Amino acid sequence: MDTSGYNSAQPLQFTNLDQLLWGIVKTLQWYSLPIMAIAIATLGVFLVTSGDDTDRKARLKGWIINILIGGLLIFGAATLAGIIGKFVGGTI
């Protein structure tokens, strides 16, 4: 069995905590915005077409609110990353 590739491989390395935190924040923000926009638009269409079904309307509104709260957390992640970085010794 040839393990030369395994022996020369390096684990993921970050030069400092700041680089790791900002990399995670940017990745989450980059991928979540289009997914959230599509989900909210789709749920909005379902909400409009739900008619008189109050149970379905309540569930759809709950989903929309949960997505907005998640978006607030994801896009507030820059602040959270800054706070975490300060407490564990990063330089932001």
C-alpha atoms as a PDB file:
ATOM      1  CA  MET A   1       0.000   0.000   0.000  1.00  0.00           C
ATOM      2  CA  ASP A   2       1.437   3.358  -1.080  1.00  0.00           C
ATOM      3  CA  THR A   3       1.179   5.880   1.773  1.00  0.00           C
ATOM      4  CA  SER A   4       3.483   8.554   0.355  1.00  0.00           C
ATOM      5  CA  GLY A   5       0.571  10.959  -0.127  1.00  0.00           C
ATOM      6  CA  TYR A   6      -0.551  10.432   3.450  1.00  0.00           C
ATOM      7  CA  ASN A   7       2.934  10.933   4.849  1.00  0.00           C
ATOM      8  CA  SER A   8       3.434  14.216   2.971  1.00  0.00           C
ATOM      9  CA  ALA A   9      -0.036  15.635   3.754  1.00  0.00           C
ATOM     10  CA  GLN A  10      -0.459  18.417   6.295  1.00  0.00           C
ATOM     11  CA  PRO A  11      -3.473  18.934   8.559  1.00  0.00           C
ATOM     12  CA  LEU A  12      -5.488  22.099   8.143  1.00  0.00           C
ATOM     13  CA  GLN A  13      -3.483  24.888   9.666  1.00  0.00           C
ATOM     14  CA  PHE A  14      -4.307  28.467  10.448  1.00  0.00           C
ATOM     15  CA  THR A  15      -1.646  30.989  11.318  1.00  0.00           C
ATOM     16  CA  ASN A  16      -3.790  32.519  14.051  1.00  0.00           C
ATOM     17  CA  LEU A  17      -7.217  32.421  15.642  1.00  0.00           C
ATOM     18  CA  ASP A  18      -8.373  35.482  13.705  1.00  0.00           C
ATOM     19  CA  GLN A  19      -7.843  33.776  10.367  1.00  0.00           C
ATOM     20  CA  LEU A  20      -9.864  30.762  11.508  1.00  0.00           C
ATOM     21  CA  LEU A  21     -12.758  32.834  12.893  1.00  0.00           C
ATOM     22  CA  TRP A  22     -12.994  35.152   9.889  1.00  0.00           C
ATOM     23  CA  GLY A  23     -12.779  32.203   7.506  1.00  0.00           C
ATOM     24  CA  ILE A  24     -15.741  30.550   9.215  1.00  0.00           C
ATOM     25  CA  VAL A  25     -17.718  33.807   9.284  1.00  0.00           C
ATOM     26  CA  LYS A  26     -17.138  34.569   5.597  1.00  0.00           C
ATOM     27  CA  THR A  27     -18.001  31.017   4.555  1.00  0.00           C
ATOM     28  CA  LEU A  28     -21.266  31.037   6.514  1.00  0.00           C
ATOM     29  CA  GLN A  29     -22.252  34.423   5.155  1.00  0.00           C
ATOM     30  CA  TRP A  30     -21.328  33.553   1.561  1.00  0.00           C
ATOM     31  CA  TYR A  31     -23.440  30.393   1.404  1.00  0.00           C
ATOM     32  CA  SER A  32     -26.329  31.298   3.684  1.00  0.00           C
ATOM     33  CA  LEU A  33     -27.579  34.484   2.015  1.00  0.00           C
ATOM     34  CA  PRO A  34     -28.808  32.902  -1.254  1.00  0.00           C
ATOM     35  CA  ILE A  35     -30.271  29.914   0.594  1.00  0.00           C
ATOM     36  CA  MET A  36     -32.114  32.185   3.011  1.00  0.00           C
ATOM     37  CA  ALA A  37     -33.418  34.396   0.204  1.00  0.00           C
ATOM     38  CA  ILE A  38     -34.754  31.424  -1.764  1.00  0.00           C
ATOM     39  CA  ALA A  39     -36.291  29.885   1.365  1.00  0.00           C
ATOM     40  CA  ILE A  40     -38.039  33.103   2.412  1.00  0.00           C
ATOM     41  CA  ALA A  41     -39.361  33.704  -1.124  1.00  0.00           C
ATOM     42  CA  THR A  42     -40.665  30.133  -1.341  1.00  0.00           C
ATOM     43  CA  LEU A  43     -42.262  30.311   2.089  1.00  0.00           C
ATOM     44  CA  GLY A  44     -43.818  33.653   1.132  1.00  0.00           C
ATOM     45  CA  VAL A  45     -45.428  32.073  -1.928  1.00  0.00           C
ATOM     46  CA  PHE A  46     -46.731  29.215   0.221  1.00  0.00           C
ATOM     47  CA  LEU A  47     -48.038  31.750   2.742  1.00  0.00           C
ATOM     48  CA  VAL A  48     -49.925  33.664   0.055  1.00  0.00           C
ATOM     49  CA  THR A  49     -51.394  30.467  -1.399  1.00  0.00           C
ATOM     50  CA  SER A  50     -52.361  28.969   1.975  1.00  0.00           C
ATOM     51  CA  GLY A  51     -55.849  30.469   1.831  1.00  0.00           C
ATOM     52  CA  ASP A  52     -57.833  30.154   5.047  1.00  0.00           C
ATOM     53  CA  ASP A  53     -55.692  27.441   6.623  1.00  0.00           C
ATOM     54  CA  THR A  54     -54.636  29.217   9.824  1.00  0.00           C
ATOM     55  CA  ASP A  55     -52.538  26.308  11.086  1.00  0.00           C
ATOM     56  CA  ARG A  56     -50.453  26.305   7.911  1.00  0.00           C
ATOM     57  CA  LYS A  57     -50.100  30.094   8.030  1.00  0.00           C
ATOM     58  CA  ALA A  58     -48.839  29.898  11.612  1.00  0.00           C
ATOM     59  CA  ARG A  59     -46.271  27.229  10.707  1.00  0.00           C
ATOM     60  CA  LEU A  60     -45.056  29.194   7.680  1.00  0.00           C
ATOM     61  CA  LYS A  61     -44.744  32.407   9.687  1.00  0.00           C
ATOM     62  CA  GLY A  62     -42.780  30.480  12.307  1.00  0.00           C
ATOM     63  CA  TRP A  63     -40.384  29.198   9.640  1.00  0.00           C
ATOM     64  CA  ILE A  64     -39.892  32.695   8.237  1.00  0.00           C
ATOM     65  CA  ILE A  65     -39.186  34.097  11.705  1.00  0.00           C
ATOM     66  CA  ASN A  66     -36.706  31.281  12.410  1.00  0.00           C
ATOM     67  CA  ILE A  67     -34.889  31.971   9.142  1.00  0.00           C
ATOM     68  CA  LEU A  68     -34.690  35.682   9.946  1.00  0.00           C
ATOM     69  CA  ILE A  69     -33.331  34.953  13.431  1.00  0.00           C
ATOM     70  CA  GLY A  70     -30.756  32.606  11.924  1.00  0.00           C
ATOM     71  CA  GLY A  71     -29.790  35.302   9.418  1.00  0.00           C
ATOM     72  CA  LEU A  72     -29.387  37.790  12.228  1.00  0.00           C
ATOM     73  CA  LEU A  73     -27.030  35.390  13.992  1.00  0.00           C
ATOM     74  CA  ILE A  74     -25.065  34.581  10.843  1.00  0.00           C
ATOM     75  CA  PHE A  75     -24.660  38.176   9.764  1.00  0.00           C
ATOM     76  CA  GLY A  76     -24.015  39.249  13.344  1.00  0.00           C
ATOM     77  CA  ALA A  77     -21.271  36.645  13.392  1.00  0.00           C
ATOM     78  CA  ALA A  78     -18.643  39.274  12.677  1.00  0.00           C
ATOM     79  CA  THR A  79     -19.458  40.835  16.032  1.00  0.00           C
ATOM     80  CA  LEU A  80     -19.544  37.435  17.708  1.00  0.00           C
ATOM     81  CA  ALA A  81     -16.179  36.511  16.162  1.00  0.00           C
ATOM     82  CA  GLY A  82     -14.720  39.767  17.433  1.00  0.00           C
ATOM     83  CA  ILE A  83     -15.982  39.119  20.956  1.00  0.00           C
ATOM     84  CA  ILE A  84     -14.708  35.536  20.955  1.00  0.00           C
ATOM     85  CA  GLY A  85     -11.372  36.665  19.569  1.00  0.00           C
ATOM     86  CA  LYS A  86     -10.925  39.229  22.326  1.00  0.00           C
ATOM     87  CA  PHE A  87     -11.789  36.756  25.089  1.00  0.00           C
ATOM     88  CA  VAL A  88      -9.467  33.999  23.878  1.00  0.00           C
ATOM     89  CA  GLY A  89      -6.578  36.243  22.921  1.00  0.00           C
ATOM     90  CA  GLY A  90      -7.071  37.081  19.274  1.00  0.00           C
ATOM     91  CA  THR A  91      -6.215  40.419  17.711  1.00  0.00           C
ATOM     92  CA  ILE A  92      -9.150  41.793  15.768  1.00  0.00           C
END
